[in-house]
Amino acid sequence: MKMSKILVVEDEPSMRLGLKDNLEFESYEVELAIDGEEGLRKATSGNFDLIILDVMMPKLSGFDVCKSMRKSGVLTPIIFLTAKSEEIDKVLGLELGADDYLTKPFSLRELIARVKAILRRSQGSGDASLKGEMTIGALTVDFNQFTARTEKEEVRMSHKEFEILHYLAEHMNEVVSRYDLLNKVWGYDSQPTTRTVDNFILRLRQRIEENPNEPRHILTVHGVGYKLLRN
């Protein structure tokens, strides 16, 4: 069985080495970067299964690294580590294309749980019950290959966007609550807020809907959650 490869981008030496030791204890292959520039260079040239990315770093911030990665087409799942607890910082990170975040100080047990959850989903989605291509609004999605396109161009989406759309598609024409999405897509006990779900839905609407302000495919069911309509 192939060992999952994780890139840790963290400027604090004790935190960087502590993460390396604990991840290697869990049988992951770990590579390190000490600042944002080195992290971006390794992230775009290496073949990683997951990136753990500190936000506040010299040379390039974690946000800048994430933004550059997604712009260049690197869809590797990202977990942000941030000393900031304000909601706006978390939302910004997710909107830039991160898959998850942890606020320092955090427990190593929680970090490992989130790492395992993301790797399980990103590496195992091809075994899900819904397979092959599906067209939803303006977007044609291949849930096996993690690709998406419109009639005009390829669309780059994060793993978390694919996972959310996949879950909605499995429950086509059914109401799916925000809490269902948090439980099924994030898959651990300490979850982001429902605001996180709303922001991912907003991004999906921008990709799918002709007019995101008047959605016809991802509908809001007020007080509950969302419903996906194919046509």
C-alpha atoms as a PDB file:
ATOM      1  CA  MET A   1       0.000   0.000   0.000  1.00  0.00           C
ATOM      2  CA  LYS A   2       1.354   3.402  -1.007  1.00  0.00           C
ATOM      3  CA  MET A   3       2.378   5.657   1.871  1.00  0.00           C
ATOM      4  CA  SER A   4       0.607   9.040   1.815  1.00  0.00           C
ATOM      5  CA  LYS A   5       2.979  11.970   1.353  1.00  0.00           C
ATOM      6  CA  ILE A   6       2.398  15.159   3.354  1.00  0.00           C
ATOM      7  CA  LEU A   7       4.081  18.554   3.012  1.00  0.00           C
ATOM      8  CA  VAL A   8       4.312  20.588   6.247  1.00  0.00           C
ATOM      9  CA  VAL A   9       4.929  24.316   5.705  1.00  0.00           C
ATOM     10  CA  GLU A  10       5.653  25.916   9.084  1.00  0.00           C
ATOM     11  CA  ASP A  11       8.235  28.538  10.077  1.00  0.00           C
ATOM     12  CA  GLU A  12       8.371  27.709  13.807  1.00  0.00           C
ATOM     13  CA  PRO A  13      11.065  25.004  14.242  1.00  0.00           C
ATOM     14  CA  SER A  14       9.564  23.220  17.273  1.00  0.00           C
ATOM     15  CA  MET A  15       6.100  23.080  15.681  1.00  0.00           C
ATOM     16  CA  ARG A  16       7.533  21.941  12.330  1.00  0.00           C
ATOM     17  CA  LEU A  17       9.578  19.101  13.832  1.00  0.00           C
ATOM     18  CA  GLY A  18       6.791  18.109  16.214  1.00  0.00           C
ATOM     19  CA  LEU A  19       4.343  17.731  13.333  1.00  0.00           C
ATOM     20  CA  LYS A  20       6.918  15.751  11.357  1.00  0.00           C
ATOM     21  CA  ASP A  21       7.549  13.326  14.223  1.00  0.00           C
ATOM     22  CA  ASN A  22       3.874  12.735  14.932  1.00  0.00           C
ATOM     23  CA  LEU A  23       2.885  12.315  11.287  1.00  0.00           C
ATOM     24  CA  GLU A  24       5.743   9.912  10.668  1.00  0.00           C
ATOM     25  CA  PHE A  25       4.625   7.957  13.755  1.00  0.00           C
ATOM     26  CA  GLU A  26       1.285   7.544  11.925  1.00  0.00           C
ATOM     27  CA  SER A  27       3.237   6.099   8.952  1.00  0.00           C
ATOM     28  CA  TYR A  28       3.012   9.131   6.672  1.00  0.00           C
ATOM     29  CA  GLU A  29       5.921  10.287   4.524  1.00  0.00           C
ATOM     30  CA  VAL A  30       6.655  13.894   5.512  1.00  0.00           C
ATOM     31  CA  GLU A  31       8.546  16.684   3.750  1.00  0.00           C
ATOM     32  CA  LEU A  32       9.177  20.086   5.357  1.00  0.00           C
ATOM     33  CA  ALA A  33       9.313  23.709   4.210  1.00  0.00           C
ATOM     34  CA  ILE A  34      10.381  26.575   6.486  1.00  0.00           C
ATOM     35  CA  ASP A  35       8.617  29.529   4.806  1.00  0.00           C
ATOM     36  CA  GLY A  36       5.980  30.404   2.238  1.00  0.00           C
ATOM     37  CA  GLU A  37       8.335  30.640  -0.746  1.00  0.00           C
ATOM     38  CA  GLU A  38       9.850  27.215  -0.141  1.00  0.00           C
ATOM     39  CA  GLY A  39       6.401  25.812   0.554  1.00  0.00           C
ATOM     40  CA  LEU A  40       4.994  27.104  -2.728  1.00  0.00           C
ATOM     41  CA  ARG A  41       7.970  25.805  -4.687  1.00  0.00           C
ATOM     42  CA  LYS A  42       7.659  22.323  -3.193  1.00  0.00           C
ATOM     43  CA  ALA A  43       3.853  22.260  -3.409  1.00  0.00           C
ATOM     44  CA  THR A  44       3.874  23.045  -7.126  1.00  0.00           C
ATOM     45  CA  SER A  45       6.733  20.697  -8.032  1.00  0.00           C
ATOM     46  CA  GLY A  46       6.105  17.745  -5.717  1.00  0.00           C
ATOM     47  CA  ASN A  47       3.467  15.049  -5.717  1.00  0.00           C
ATOM     48  CA  PHE A  48       1.824  15.410  -2.306  1.00  0.00           C
ATOM     49  CA  ASP A  49      -1.407  13.902  -0.987  1.00  0.00           C
ATOM     50  CA  LEU A  50      -1.958  16.664   1.595  1.00  0.00           C
ATOM     51  CA  ILE A  51      -0.404  19.989   2.605  1.00  0.00           C
ATOM     52  CA  ILE A  52      -0.421  21.373   6.157  1.00  0.00           C
ATOM     53  CA  LEU A  53       0.098  25.102   5.759  1.00  0.00           C
ATOM     54  CA  ASP A  54       0.717  27.734   8.423  1.00  0.00           C
ATOM     55  CA  VAL A  55      -0.945  31.081   7.708  1.00  0.00           C
ATOM     56  CA  MET A  56       1.488  33.567   9.294  1.00  0.00           C
ATOM     57  CA  MET A  57       4.896  32.984   7.682  1.00  0.00           C
ATOM     58  CA  PRO A  58       7.790  35.050   6.305  1.00  0.00           C
ATOM     59  CA  LYS A  59       8.160  35.805   2.600  1.00  0.00           C
ATOM     60  CA  LEU A  60       4.708  34.493   1.613  1.00  0.00           C
ATOM     61  CA  SER A  61       1.706  33.971   3.866  1.00  0.00           C
ATOM     62  CA  GLY A  62      -0.205  30.710   3.822  1.00  0.00           C
ATOM     63  CA  PHE A  63      -3.073  32.530   2.129  1.00  0.00           C
ATOM     64  CA  ASP A  64      -0.748  33.677  -0.666  1.00  0.00           C
ATOM     65  CA  VAL A  65       0.655  30.161  -1.065  1.00  0.00           C
ATOM     66  CA  CYS A  66      -2.817  28.652  -1.268  1.00  0.00           C
ATOM     67  CA  LYS A  67      -4.008  31.261  -3.765  1.00  0.00           C
ATOM     68  CA  SER A  68      -0.977  30.711  -6.015  1.00  0.00           C
ATOM     69  CA  MET A  69      -1.352  26.927  -5.835  1.00  0.00           C
ATOM     70  CA  ARG A  70      -4.993  26.982  -6.856  1.00  0.00           C
ATOM     71  CA  LYS A  71      -4.292  29.506  -9.616  1.00  0.00           C
ATOM     72  CA  SER A  72      -1.623  27.205 -11.059  1.00  0.00           C
ATOM     73  CA  GLY A  73      -3.986  24.221 -10.949  1.00  0.00           C
ATOM     74  CA  VAL A  74      -2.598  22.383  -7.906  1.00  0.00           C
ATOM     75  CA  LEU A  75      -5.646  20.816  -6.216  1.00  0.00           C
ATOM     76  CA  THR A  76      -3.847  19.028  -3.369  1.00  0.00           C
ATOM     77  CA  PRO A  77      -5.976  19.223  -0.187  1.00  0.00           C
ATOM     78  CA  ILE A  78      -4.823  21.905   2.274  1.00  0.00           C
ATOM     79  CA  ILE A  79      -5.225  22.206   6.042  1.00  0.00           C
ATOM     80  CA  PHE A  80      -4.497  25.710   7.349  1.00  0.00           C
ATOM     81  CA  LEU A  81      -2.870  26.253  10.738  1.00  0.00           C
ATOM     82  CA  THR A  82      -3.708  29.695  12.080  1.00  0.00           C
ATOM     83  CA  ALA A  83      -3.197  31.584  15.333  1.00  0.00           C
ATOM     84  CA  LYS A  84      -6.205  33.715  14.483  1.00  0.00           C
ATOM     85  CA  SER A  85      -9.655  32.663  15.674  1.00  0.00           C
ATOM     86  CA  GLU A  86     -11.765  35.315  13.944  1.00  0.00           C
ATOM     87  CA  GLU A  87     -14.378  33.921  11.590  1.00  0.00           C
ATOM     88  CA  ILE A  88     -13.331  36.219   8.728  1.00  0.00           C
ATOM     89  CA  ASP A  89      -9.866  34.609   8.586  1.00  0.00           C
ATOM     90  CA  LYS A  90     -11.318  31.104   8.471  1.00  0.00           C
ATOM     91  CA  VAL A  91     -13.800  32.064   5.769  1.00  0.00           C
ATOM     92  CA  LEU A  92     -11.056  33.737   3.705  1.00  0.00           C
ATOM     93  CA  GLY A  93      -8.917  30.623   3.854  1.00  0.00           C
ATOM     94  CA  LEU A  94     -11.769  28.406   2.695  1.00  0.00           C
ATOM     95  CA  GLU A  95     -12.723  30.811  -0.072  1.00  0.00           C
ATOM     96  CA  LEU A  96      -9.142  30.711  -1.359  1.00  0.00           C
ATOM     97  CA  GLY A  97      -9.445  26.955  -1.788  1.00  0.00           C
ATOM     98  CA  ALA A  98      -8.355  25.354   1.494  1.00  0.00           C
ATOM     99  CA  ASP A  99     -10.131  22.211   2.677  1.00  0.00           C
ATOM    100  CA  ASP A 100      -9.890  22.715   6.414  1.00  0.00           C
ATOM    101  CA  TYR A 101      -8.295  24.768   9.183  1.00  0.00           C
ATOM    102  CA  LEU A 102      -7.117  24.381  12.768  1.00  0.00           C
ATOM    103  CA  THR A 103      -6.672  27.253  15.208  1.00  0.00           C
ATOM    104  CA  LYS A 104      -3.552  27.162  17.382  1.00  0.00           C
ATOM    105  CA  PRO A 105      -3.181  25.770  19.971  1.00  0.00           C
ATOM    106  CA  PHE A 106      -4.704  22.486  18.805  1.00  0.00           C
ATOM    107  CA  SER A 107      -4.410  18.880  19.916  1.00  0.00           C
ATOM    108  CA  LEU A 108      -2.312  16.529  17.805  1.00  0.00           C
ATOM    109  CA  ARG A 109      -5.093  13.972  18.117  1.00  0.00           C
ATOM    110  CA  GLU A 110      -7.506  16.365  16.412  1.00  0.00           C
ATOM    111  CA  LEU A 111      -5.007  17.182  13.662  1.00  0.00           C
ATOM    112  CA  ILE A 112      -4.389  13.494  12.938  1.00  0.00           C
ATOM    113  CA  ALA A 113      -8.143  12.855  12.835  1.00  0.00           C
ATOM    114  CA  ARG A 114      -8.602  15.583  10.255  1.00  0.00           C
ATOM    115  CA  VAL A 115      -5.631  14.417   8.207  1.00  0.00           C
ATOM    116  CA  LYS A 116      -7.052  10.890   8.096  1.00  0.00           C
ATOM    117  CA  ALA A 117     -10.528  12.137   7.188  1.00  0.00           C
ATOM    118  CA  ILE A 118      -9.288  14.270   4.281  1.00  0.00           C
ATOM    119  CA  LEU A 119      -6.978  11.580   2.927  1.00  0.00           C
ATOM    120  CA  ARG A 120      -9.709   8.953   3.190  1.00  0.00           C
ATOM    121  CA  ARG A 121     -12.075  11.081   1.154  1.00  0.00           C
ATOM    122  CA  SER A 122      -9.621  12.461  -1.389  1.00  0.00           C
ATOM    123  CA  GLN A 123      -8.104   9.051  -2.096  1.00  0.00           C
ATOM    124  CA  GLY A 124     -11.259   6.993  -1.853  1.00  0.00           C
ATOM    125  CA  SER A 125     -13.843   9.033  -3.727  1.00  0.00           C
ATOM    126  CA  GLY A 126     -13.525   6.848  -6.810  1.00  0.00           C
ATOM    127  CA  ASP A 127     -15.200   4.048  -4.819  1.00  0.00           C
ATOM    128  CA  ALA A 128     -18.262   6.131  -4.028  1.00  0.00           C
ATOM    129  CA  SER A 129     -21.654   5.013  -5.253  1.00  0.00           C
ATOM    130  CA  LEU A 130     -22.058   7.915  -7.678  1.00  0.00           C
ATOM    131  CA  LYS A 131     -19.542   7.536 -10.510  1.00  0.00           C
ATOM    132  CA  GLY A 132     -18.779   8.914 -13.939  1.00  0.00           C
ATOM    133  CA  GLU A 133     -19.799  12.177 -15.543  1.00  0.00           C
ATOM    134  CA  MET A 134     -22.779  14.311 -14.627  1.00  0.00           C
ATOM    135  CA  THR A 135     -23.907  17.654 -16.055  1.00  0.00           C
ATOM    136  CA  ILE A 136     -25.423  20.096 -13.577  1.00  0.00           C
ATOM    137  CA  GLY A 137     -26.327  23.462 -15.000  1.00  0.00           C
ATOM    138  CA  ALA A 138     -23.306  24.878 -16.823  1.00  0.00           C
ATOM    139  CA  LEU A 139     -20.897  22.362 -15.302  1.00  0.00           C
ATOM    140  CA  THR A 140     -19.979  18.820 -16.381  1.00  0.00           C
ATOM    141  CA  VAL A 141     -18.304  16.947 -13.539  1.00  0.00           C
ATOM    142  CA  ASP A 142     -16.403  13.660 -13.596  1.00  0.00           C
ATOM    143  CA  PHE A 143     -16.466  12.275 -10.052  1.00  0.00           C
ATOM    144  CA  ASN A 144     -13.958   9.537 -10.926  1.00  0.00           C
ATOM    145  CA  GLN A 145     -11.271  11.816 -12.337  1.00  0.00           C
ATOM    146  CA  PHE A 146     -11.953  14.916 -10.195  1.00  0.00           C
ATOM    147  CA  THR A 147     -12.369  17.075 -13.299  1.00  0.00           C
ATOM    148  CA  ALA A 148     -14.946  19.699 -14.190  1.00  0.00           C
ATOM    149  CA  ARG A 149     -15.595  21.734 -17.305  1.00  0.00           C
ATOM    150  CA  THR A 150     -18.036  24.031 -19.036  1.00  0.00           C
ATOM    151  CA  GLU A 151     -18.629  24.181 -22.779  1.00  0.00           C
ATOM    152  CA  LYS A 152     -15.821  26.739 -23.016  1.00  0.00           C
ATOM    153  CA  GLU A 153     -13.143  25.718 -20.518  1.00  0.00           C
ATOM    154  CA  GLU A 154     -11.864  23.454 -17.784  1.00  0.00           C
ATOM    155  CA  VAL A 155     -12.900  24.495 -14.283  1.00  0.00           C
ATOM    156  CA  ARG A 156     -10.521  23.996 -11.372  1.00  0.00           C
ATOM    157  CA  MET A 157     -12.218  22.887  -8.177  1.00  0.00           C
ATOM    158  CA  SER A 158     -10.882  21.868  -4.769  1.00  0.00           C
ATOM    159  CA  HIS A 159     -11.432  18.365  -3.385  1.00  0.00           C
ATOM    160  CA  LYS A 160     -13.878  19.773  -0.851  1.00  0.00           C
ATOM    161  CA  GLU A 161     -15.993  21.328  -3.616  1.00  0.00           C
ATOM    162  CA  PHE A 162     -16.109  17.968  -5.407  1.00  0.00           C
ATOM    163  CA  GLU A 163     -17.075  16.221  -2.167  1.00  0.00           C
ATOM    164  CA  ILE A 164     -19.905  18.642  -1.403  1.00  0.00           C
ATOM    165  CA  LEU A 165     -21.263  18.482  -4.949  1.00  0.00           C
ATOM    166  CA  HIS A 166     -20.934  14.691  -4.905  1.00  0.00           C
ATOM    167  CA  TYR A 167     -22.971  14.424  -1.703  1.00  0.00           C
ATOM    168  CA  LEU A 168     -25.648  16.774  -3.036  1.00  0.00           C
ATOM    169  CA  ALA A 169     -25.775  14.793  -6.291  1.00  0.00           C
ATOM    170  CA  GLU A 170     -26.209  11.521  -4.386  1.00  0.00           C
ATOM    171  CA  HIS A 171     -29.270  13.135  -2.790  1.00  0.00           C
ATOM    172  CA  MET A 172     -30.604  14.785  -5.942  1.00  0.00           C
ATOM    173  CA  ASN A 173     -33.975  16.525  -5.394  1.00  0.00           C
ATOM    174  CA  GLU A 174     -33.740  15.894  -1.644  1.00  0.00           C
ATOM    175  CA  VAL A 175     -33.260  18.503   1.074  1.00  0.00           C
ATOM    176  CA  VAL A 176     -29.787  18.168   2.622  1.00  0.00           C
ATOM    177  CA  SER A 177     -29.177  20.013   5.877  1.00  0.00           C
ATOM    178  CA  ARG A 178     -26.015  21.980   6.580  1.00  0.00           C
ATOM    179  CA  TYR A 179     -25.309  19.623   9.485  1.00  0.00           C
ATOM    180  CA  ASP A 180     -25.543  16.607   7.173  1.00  0.00           C
ATOM    181  CA  LEU A 181     -22.933  18.194   4.918  1.00  0.00           C
ATOM    182  CA  LEU A 182     -20.670  18.948   7.883  1.00  0.00           C
ATOM    183  CA  ASN A 183     -20.973  15.386   9.199  1.00  0.00           C
ATOM    184  CA  LYS A 184     -20.634  13.568   5.885  1.00  0.00           C
ATOM    185  CA  VAL A 185     -18.110  15.764   4.078  1.00  0.00           C
ATOM    186  CA  TRP A 186     -15.842  16.954   6.898  1.00  0.00           C
ATOM    187  CA  GLY A 187     -16.307  13.781   8.909  1.00  0.00           C
ATOM    188  CA  TYR A 188     -14.986  14.555  12.376  1.00  0.00           C
ATOM    189  CA  ASP A 189     -16.451  15.689  15.700  1.00  0.00           C
ATOM    190  CA  SER A 190     -15.005  19.184  15.974  1.00  0.00           C
ATOM    191  CA  GLN A 191     -16.559  20.810  12.941  1.00  0.00           C
ATOM    192  CA  PRO A 192     -16.491  24.163  11.177  1.00  0.00           C
ATOM    193  CA  THR A 193     -19.587  26.310  11.460  1.00  0.00           C
ATOM    194  CA  THR A 194     -22.534  26.177   9.080  1.00  0.00           C
ATOM    195  CA  ARG A 195     -21.163  29.440   7.668  1.00  0.00           C
ATOM    196  CA  THR A 196     -18.398  27.315   6.158  1.00  0.00           C
ATOM    197  CA  VAL A 197     -20.972  25.271   4.224  1.00  0.00           C
ATOM    198  CA  ASP A 198     -22.701  28.419   2.999  1.00  0.00           C
ATOM    199  CA  ASN A 199     -19.448  29.781   1.589  1.00  0.00           C
ATOM    200  CA  PHE A 200     -18.700  26.569  -0.308  1.00  0.00           C
ATOM    201  CA  ILE A 201     -22.253  26.571  -1.709  1.00  0.00           C
ATOM    202  CA  LEU A 202     -21.716  30.149  -2.885  1.00  0.00           C
ATOM    203  CA  ARG A 203     -18.583  29.076  -4.758  1.00  0.00           C
ATOM    204  CA  LEU A 204     -20.362  26.114  -6.349  1.00  0.00           C
ATOM    205  CA  ARG A 205     -23.207  28.347  -7.497  1.00  0.00           C
ATOM    206  CA  GLN A 206     -20.705  30.634  -9.208  1.00  0.00           C
ATOM    207  CA  ARG A 207     -19.517  27.643 -11.214  1.00  0.00           C
ATOM    208  CA  ILE A 208     -22.892  26.040 -11.953  1.00  0.00           C
ATOM    209  CA  GLU A 209     -25.534  28.731 -12.162  1.00  0.00           C
ATOM    210  CA  GLU A 210     -26.180  31.054 -15.080  1.00  0.00           C
ATOM    211  CA  ASN A 211     -27.110  33.689 -12.492  1.00  0.00           C
ATOM    212  CA  PRO A 212     -25.718  32.800  -9.033  1.00  0.00           C
ATOM    213  CA  ASN A 213     -27.977  35.420  -7.430  1.00  0.00           C
ATOM    214  CA  GLU A 214     -31.039  33.585  -8.750  1.00  0.00           C
ATOM    215  CA  PRO A 215     -30.016  29.909  -8.518  1.00  0.00           C
ATOM    216  CA  ARG A 216     -31.978  27.253 -10.391  1.00  0.00           C
ATOM    217  CA  HIS A 217     -29.882  24.209  -9.469  1.00  0.00           C
ATOM    218  CA  ILE A 218     -28.616  24.613  -5.899  1.00  0.00           C
ATOM    219  CA  LEU A 219     -31.630  25.922  -4.022  1.00  0.00           C
ATOM    220  CA  THR A 220     -31.698  27.213  -0.464  1.00  0.00           C
ATOM    221  CA  VAL A 221     -34.297  25.630   1.802  1.00  0.00           C
ATOM    222  CA  HIS A 222     -34.523  28.324   4.458  1.00  0.00           C
ATOM    223  CA  GLY A 223     -33.813  27.215   7.977  1.00  0.00           C
ATOM    224  CA  VAL A 224     -32.708  23.758   6.838  1.00  0.00           C
ATOM    225  CA  GLY A 225     -30.096  23.534   4.071  1.00  0.00           C
ATOM    226  CA  TYR A 226     -29.942  22.960   0.317  1.00  0.00           C
ATOM    227  CA  LYS A 227     -31.495  20.984  -2.511  1.00  0.00           C
ATOM    228  CA  LEU A 228     -29.766  20.106  -5.797  1.00  0.00           C
ATOM    229  CA  LEU A 229     -31.817  20.053  -8.993  1.00  0.00           C
ATOM    230  CA  ARG A 230     -30.163  18.729 -12.136  1.00  0.00           C
ATOM    231  CA  ASN A 231     -32.279  20.596 -14.700  1.00  0.00           C
END
